[in-house]
Structures are given as C-alpha cells and as structure tokens.
Amino acid sequence: MAARKNPLVQALPWACLFALSACGSPSREEASASQQASENGTEQPAATAASSSQSLPPAEPLSCADEIGATAAQKRADLCRNVSPATHPPCNIANSCAMIEDEIARSCALFDSNGDPMPECAVDPRSKEAAAAVVERYYSALNARDYGTAWQQWGDNGPPNQTLEKFQAGFTHTRSTHVAIGNLEPGDAGAGSIYQPVPVTVDATLDDGTHQRFRGTYTVRRVNDVDGASASQRRWHIDSAQLTPVR
C-alpha cells in the first residue's frame, strides 16, 4: 500500500520520457509503472503489478449493452455494421463500446482516405475532434477493461516498449477512470505528420477507494495525406502523454 502513496514520484519518469528532458533515462520497469501512474492513477510498481496479474484471473470486459443499455448499444452496433467493410466486424453489443466505436472510426477514416466519405460518419476523420475522440476512446476502453482496444489507441504496436500483457498488468489496481477534454487548439504539422494536442483532466479511482486526479496533454498524431501512407498511418493515434498529479 505504501508504494501507492506518492503519485508524483511515480509520474515523473513517464513525463521525462516523453518530454526528452534532462531527467535521465528510466528503466523499462520505471517506464511501465510510470505510464499508468501518470495517465490514470495506477501507482502499482511494475513488478508488483505483474505478480498480481499472474495470481488473479483477468476481469471480463464490460459489454456495451451493460455500459449504456441494450437499446443505445444496438444503435451503435447497427451504425458499425453499416460503415464497416470487414467480413466479420466487431459490431456486437457484447463487445465494449470502445471496440465498436474504434471500428466505426477505422471505417470512416478508410472510406474518407479513398475519397468517398459516408454520410453516417458525422465527424471528419482528419479533424481535431476525431483526434480527441481517440483519447476518449482510450479511457472508455480502460473503464470497460478492454485493454486490447485501449492498447491499440497508441497505434498498431501499442505504447512504446510495452507488450499488451505488461500494459494490462499496470492497471491491476484501477477501478475506474474518467477523462474530461479541454479546449482544442489547432495542431501542428511537421515531417509528414500532423500533431494534435489534446488537453485533459483525468480522475481515477483505485480498488481501495483512493481518488486521484491528473492534468496534462496527450499528443495525438497521424501521417499527413501523402502518397504511400497506409490507411492505418492516416488514422489518429496517441503519440505521447505528459500528465502530472493534481494535489
């Protein structure tokens, strides 16, 4: 329990990692623990989190039907089927809402890049609002314990230097999280990519009832519309995060 009483100490290595500051290079264990600590209050050291995940069976993801009700979930699933080109899309109310929303976003971005946007896609996949939706979807997936969908919001290979198993282990003691998005300013372009800052305030509750709050910025990136860029590269994904605890 004592290891979880100082979120600032846990959060600093992660902030240093992405700020490329002179804070020093964290070890892989520090980076793993600090990522979840700085993002949503899971202050569990990496080694302890890993041992906990080995001793406890993983909780089942929360279905979209349980999260928002069967009727609302079915509407999202129907929209998902309407826009998805996949043979077996994950447009099922038994899946998490985040997984369904991710398939909708993927499909809308795919058709938009082909020059044939669909009327069902209400948000421009290239907009700053679509970038902010990635962060919202990330926390929605974490809340639903759908760690695979959360991991994928960082891109096809997940967060830097983290396997899905290590990523999931870091959230062992997180009961719930909530993210509030701040005002979105125009993003920046450079080196063939577009970077969109997404200011956030994150409230987290640990399994012992402890409440924590973090504030900072996610940077969401996508490859500019250049020849040869894949549909996946053209999609927004989380590139980095700088969050600090709010006392």
Protein backbone atom coordinates (compact mmCIF):
# COMPACT_ATOMS: atom_id res chain seq x y z
CA MET A 1 0.00 0.00 0.00
CA ALA A 2 2.86 2.39 0.82
CA ALA A 3 4.14 2.15 -2.73
CA ARG A 4 0.96 3.82 -3.97
CA LYS A 5 1.02 6.95 -1.78
CA ASN A 6 3.21 9.24 -3.87
CA PRO A 7 1.87 9.64 -7.41
CA LEU A 8 4.29 12.44 -8.25
CA VAL A 9 7.31 10.19 -7.78
CA GLN A 10 5.72 7.56 -9.99
CA ALA A 11 4.64 10.03 -12.67
CA LEU A 12 7.87 11.94 -13.17
CA PRO A 13 9.84 9.30 -15.15
CA TRP A 14 7.00 8.99 -17.68
CA ALA A 15 6.83 12.76 -18.17
CA CYS A 16 10.61 12.84 -18.59
CA LEU A 17 10.46 10.01 -21.10
CA PHE A 18 8.21 11.94 -23.49
CA ALA A 19 9.49 15.44 -22.77
CA LEU A 20 13.01 14.34 -23.79
CA SER A 21 14.24 16.40 -20.89
CA ALA A 22 17.38 16.04 -18.82
CA CYS A 23 15.64 13.93 -16.20
CA GLY A 24 17.57 10.85 -17.13
CA SER A 25 16.57 7.63 -18.85
CA PRO A 26 14.11 5.50 -16.89
CA SER A 27 14.40 1.76 -16.84
CA ARG A 28 11.78 -0.31 -18.60
CA GLU A 29 10.25 -1.14 -15.21
CA GLU A 30 10.04 2.55 -14.27
CA ALA A 31 8.56 3.49 -17.63
CA SER A 32 5.96 0.76 -17.36
CA ALA A 33 4.82 1.75 -13.88
CA SER A 34 5.03 5.46 -14.62
CA GLN A 35 2.90 5.27 -17.75
CA GLN A 36 -0.18 4.06 -15.97
CA ALA A 37 0.58 6.20 -12.91
CA SER A 38 0.80 9.39 -14.93
CA GLU A 39 -2.17 8.56 -17.13
CA ASN A 40 -4.78 7.36 -14.71
CA GLY A 41 -3.51 6.82 -11.23
CA THR A 42 -2.37 3.21 -11.21
CA GLU A 43 0.60 3.63 -8.93
CA GLN A 44 1.45 -0.02 -8.76
CA PRO A 45 5.18 -0.78 -9.26
CA ALA A 46 5.73 -2.89 -12.36
CA ALA A 47 6.96 -5.96 -10.51
CA THR A 48 4.05 -5.95 -8.07
CA ALA A 49 1.51 -5.37 -10.83
CA ALA A 50 2.93 -8.25 -12.83
CA SER A 51 2.75 -10.64 -9.89
CA SER A 52 -0.83 -9.54 -9.17
CA SER A 53 -1.87 -10.19 -12.75
CA GLN A 54 -0.41 -13.70 -12.52
CA SER A 55 -2.30 -14.54 -9.34
CA LEU A 56 -5.68 -13.10 -10.34
CA PRO A 57 -7.67 -14.05 -13.44
CA PRO A 58 -8.29 -11.09 -15.75
CA ALA A 59 -11.71 -9.50 -15.36
CA GLU A 60 -14.09 -9.86 -18.27
CA PRO A 61 -14.52 -6.69 -20.38
CA LEU A 62 -17.70 -4.73 -19.78
CA SER A 63 -20.11 -5.11 -22.67
CA CYS A 64 -21.52 -2.09 -24.46
CA ALA A 65 -25.03 -3.27 -23.54
CA ASP A 66 -24.11 -3.23 -19.85
CA GLU A 67 -22.35 0.11 -20.17
CA ILE A 68 -25.01 2.21 -21.93
CA GLY A 69 -28.05 -0.09 -22.18
CA ALA A 70 -29.08 -2.58 -24.84
CA THR A 71 -31.07 -0.13 -26.97
CA ALA A 72 -28.34 2.51 -27.22
CA ALA A 73 -25.70 -0.16 -27.71
CA GLN A 74 -27.67 -1.72 -30.56
CA LYS A 75 -27.84 1.64 -32.34
CA ARG A 76 -24.05 1.92 -32.18
CA ALA A 77 -23.65 -1.67 -33.37
CA ASP A 78 -26.02 -1.09 -36.29
CA LEU A 79 -24.07 2.01 -37.35
CA CYS A 80 -20.88 0.00 -37.04
CA ARG A 81 -22.22 -2.66 -39.41
CA ASN A 82 -23.39 -0.01 -41.87
CA VAL A 83 -19.95 1.54 -42.23
CA SER A 84 -17.57 -1.37 -41.67
CA PRO A 85 -16.13 -3.11 -44.74
CA ALA A 86 -14.90 -6.03 -42.62
CA THR A 87 -16.27 -9.52 -43.22
CA HIS A 88 -16.69 -10.12 -39.50
CA PRO A 89 -16.64 -6.70 -37.85
CA PRO A 90 -16.72 -6.45 -34.02
CA CYS A 91 -20.11 -4.71 -34.20
CA ASN A 92 -21.72 -6.67 -31.40
CA ILE A 93 -23.29 -5.27 -28.22
CA ALA A 94 -21.47 -7.97 -26.26
CA ASN A 95 -18.21 -6.17 -27.08
CA SER A 96 -17.14 -2.98 -25.35
CA CYS A 97 -18.48 0.33 -26.63
CA ALA A 98 -14.87 1.38 -27.20
CA MET A 99 -14.29 -1.56 -29.55
CA ILE A 100 -17.43 -0.72 -31.54
CA GLU A 101 -16.50 2.97 -31.71
CA ASP A 102 -12.98 2.08 -32.80
CA GLU A 103 -14.32 0.06 -35.73
CA ILE A 104 -16.59 2.96 -36.72
CA ALA A 105 -13.64 5.37 -36.61
CA ARG A 106 -11.44 2.96 -38.56
CA SER A 107 -14.06 2.51 -41.25
CA CYS A 108 -14.82 6.22 -41.56
CA ALA A 109 -11.11 7.01 -41.91
CA LEU A 110 -10.69 4.28 -44.51
CA PHE A 111 -13.52 5.49 -46.75
CA ASP A 112 -12.51 9.12 -46.29
CA SER A 113 -8.98 8.36 -47.48
CA ASN A 114 -10.47 6.71 -50.56
CA GLY A 115 -12.28 9.93 -51.39
CA ASP A 116 -15.73 8.53 -50.71
CA PRO A 117 -16.82 9.69 -47.22
CA MET A 118 -20.04 8.20 -45.90
CA PRO A 119 -22.93 10.27 -44.54
CA GLU A 120 -23.02 8.08 -41.41
CA CYS A 121 -19.59 9.44 -40.45
CA ALA A 122 -20.60 12.61 -38.64
CA VAL A 123 -17.06 13.56 -37.57
CA ASP A 124 -14.36 14.37 -40.11
CA PRO A 125 -11.70 11.67 -39.52
CA ARG A 126 -8.97 14.28 -40.10
CA SER A 127 -10.36 16.82 -37.62
CA LYS A 128 -9.10 17.73 -34.16
CA GLU A 129 -12.38 16.41 -32.81
CA ALA A 130 -11.53 12.98 -34.24
CA ALA A 131 -8.12 13.24 -32.56
CA ALA A 132 -9.74 13.99 -29.19
CA ALA A 133 -12.08 11.03 -29.71
CA VAL A 134 -9.03 8.74 -29.65
CA VAL A 135 -8.25 9.83 -26.09
CA GLU A 136 -11.90 9.48 -25.07
CA ARG A 137 -12.00 6.01 -26.63
CA TYR A 138 -8.79 5.11 -24.79
CA TYR A 139 -10.32 5.82 -21.40
CA SER A 140 -13.62 4.24 -22.39
CA ALA A 141 -11.73 1.04 -23.18
CA LEU A 142 -9.83 1.18 -19.89
CA ASN A 143 -13.07 1.64 -17.98
CA ALA A 144 -14.52 -1.38 -19.76
CA ARG A 145 -11.36 -3.39 -19.04
CA ASP A 146 -10.94 -3.83 -22.79
CA TYR A 147 -7.18 -3.44 -22.63
CA GLY A 148 -6.61 -4.62 -26.18
CA THR A 149 -8.65 -1.74 -27.62
CA ALA A 150 -7.00 0.71 -25.21
CA TRP A 151 -3.54 -0.54 -26.21
CA GLN A 152 -4.36 -0.09 -29.92
CA GLN A 153 -5.17 3.61 -29.44
CA TRP A 154 -1.40 4.05 -29.32
CA GLY A 155 -1.07 2.57 -32.81
CA ASP A 156 -0.61 -0.88 -34.25
CA ASN A 157 2.29 -1.64 -31.90
CA GLY A 158 0.79 -0.19 -28.74
CA PRO A 159 2.60 2.14 -26.31
CA PRO A 160 6.39 2.48 -26.63
CA ASN A 161 8.30 -0.54 -25.31
CA GLN A 162 5.21 -2.22 -23.88
CA THR A 163 3.63 -5.53 -24.64
CA LEU A 164 -0.12 -5.87 -24.20
CA GLU A 165 0.50 -8.08 -21.17
CA LYS A 166 2.68 -5.50 -19.42
CA PHE A 167 0.25 -2.74 -20.33
CA GLN A 168 -2.68 -4.63 -18.83
CA ALA A 169 -0.73 -5.53 -15.69
CA GLY A 170 -0.21 -1.84 -14.97
CA PHE A 171 -3.96 -1.33 -14.48
CA THR A 172 -4.47 -4.14 -11.96
CA HIS A 173 -5.49 -1.78 -9.16
CA THR A 174 -7.51 0.74 -11.17
CA ARG A 175 -11.25 0.52 -10.58
CA SER A 176 -12.38 3.34 -12.88
CA THR A 177 -11.21 6.40 -14.79
CA HIS A 178 -12.90 9.44 -16.28
CA VAL A 179 -11.39 11.90 -18.74
CA ALA A 180 -12.53 15.45 -19.48
CA ILE A 181 -11.25 17.03 -22.69
CA GLY A 182 -10.20 20.69 -22.60
CA ASN A 183 -10.31 23.28 -25.36
CA LEU A 184 -8.72 22.04 -28.57
CA GLU A 185 -6.23 24.35 -30.26
CA PRO A 186 -5.12 23.88 -33.89
CA GLY A 187 -2.47 21.21 -34.32
CA ASP A 188 0.99 21.41 -35.85
CA ALA A 189 2.40 19.77 -38.95
CA GLY A 190 5.93 18.57 -39.41
CA ALA A 191 7.98 15.84 -41.09
CA GLY A 192 4.98 14.40 -42.91
CA SER A 193 2.80 14.15 -39.81
CA ILE A 194 0.15 16.21 -38.07
CA TYR A 195 0.26 16.54 -34.29
CA GLN A 196 -2.83 17.48 -32.30
CA PRO A 197 -2.53 18.41 -28.61
CA VAL A 198 -5.46 17.20 -26.50
CA PRO A 199 -5.60 18.76 -23.01
CA VAL A 200 -7.16 16.51 -20.40
CA THR A 201 -8.12 16.18 -16.77
CA VAL A 202 -8.21 12.59 -15.58
CA ASP A 203 -9.99 11.38 -12.45
CA ALA A 204 -9.17 7.88 -11.26
CA THR A 205 -10.38 5.59 -8.51
CA LEU A 206 -8.20 2.75 -7.28
CA ASP A 207 -9.54 -0.54 -5.97
CA ASP A 208 -9.01 0.63 -2.37
CA GLY A 209 -11.27 3.63 -2.98
CA THR A 210 -8.42 6.15 -3.33
CA HIS A 211 -9.25 9.04 -5.68
CA GLN A 212 -6.56 10.70 -7.78
CA ARG A 213 -6.56 13.46 -10.37
CA PHE A 214 -4.09 14.16 -13.18
CA ARG A 215 -3.89 17.02 -15.62
CA GLY A 216 -1.85 17.44 -18.78
CA THR A 217 -1.81 16.83 -22.51
CA TYR A 218 -1.93 13.93 -24.90
CA THR A 219 -0.33 14.44 -28.28
CA VAL A 220 -2.22 12.58 -30.99
CA ARG A 221 -0.58 12.06 -34.36
CA ARG A 222 -1.44 10.92 -37.85
CA VAL A 223 0.55 10.76 -41.06
CA ASN A 224 -0.33 13.53 -43.48
CA ASP A 225 -2.19 12.60 -46.64
CA VAL A 226 0.92 11.69 -48.60
CA ASP A 227 1.32 9.11 -51.33
CA GLY A 228 2.13 5.70 -49.99
CA ALA A 229 0.74 6.23 -46.49
CA SER A 230 -1.40 3.34 -45.33
CA ALA A 231 -4.93 3.71 -44.00
CA SER A 232 -3.63 2.83 -40.55
CA GLN A 233 -0.96 5.54 -40.71
CA ARG A 234 -3.55 8.12 -41.74
CA ARG A 235 -5.59 7.42 -38.62
CA TRP A 236 -5.08 9.41 -35.45
CA HIS A 237 -3.30 7.57 -32.65
CA ILE A 238 -1.77 8.58 -29.33
CA ASP A 239 1.86 9.55 -29.78
CA SER A 240 2.83 10.71 -26.28
CA ALA A 241 1.45 11.88 -22.94
CA GLN A 242 2.57 14.39 -20.35
CA LEU A 243 0.43 14.22 -17.22
CA THR A 244 1.14 15.33 -13.68
CA PRO A 245 -0.79 14.74 -10.45
CA VAL A 246 -3.07 17.48 -9.16
CA ARG A 247 -2.76 17.91 -5.40
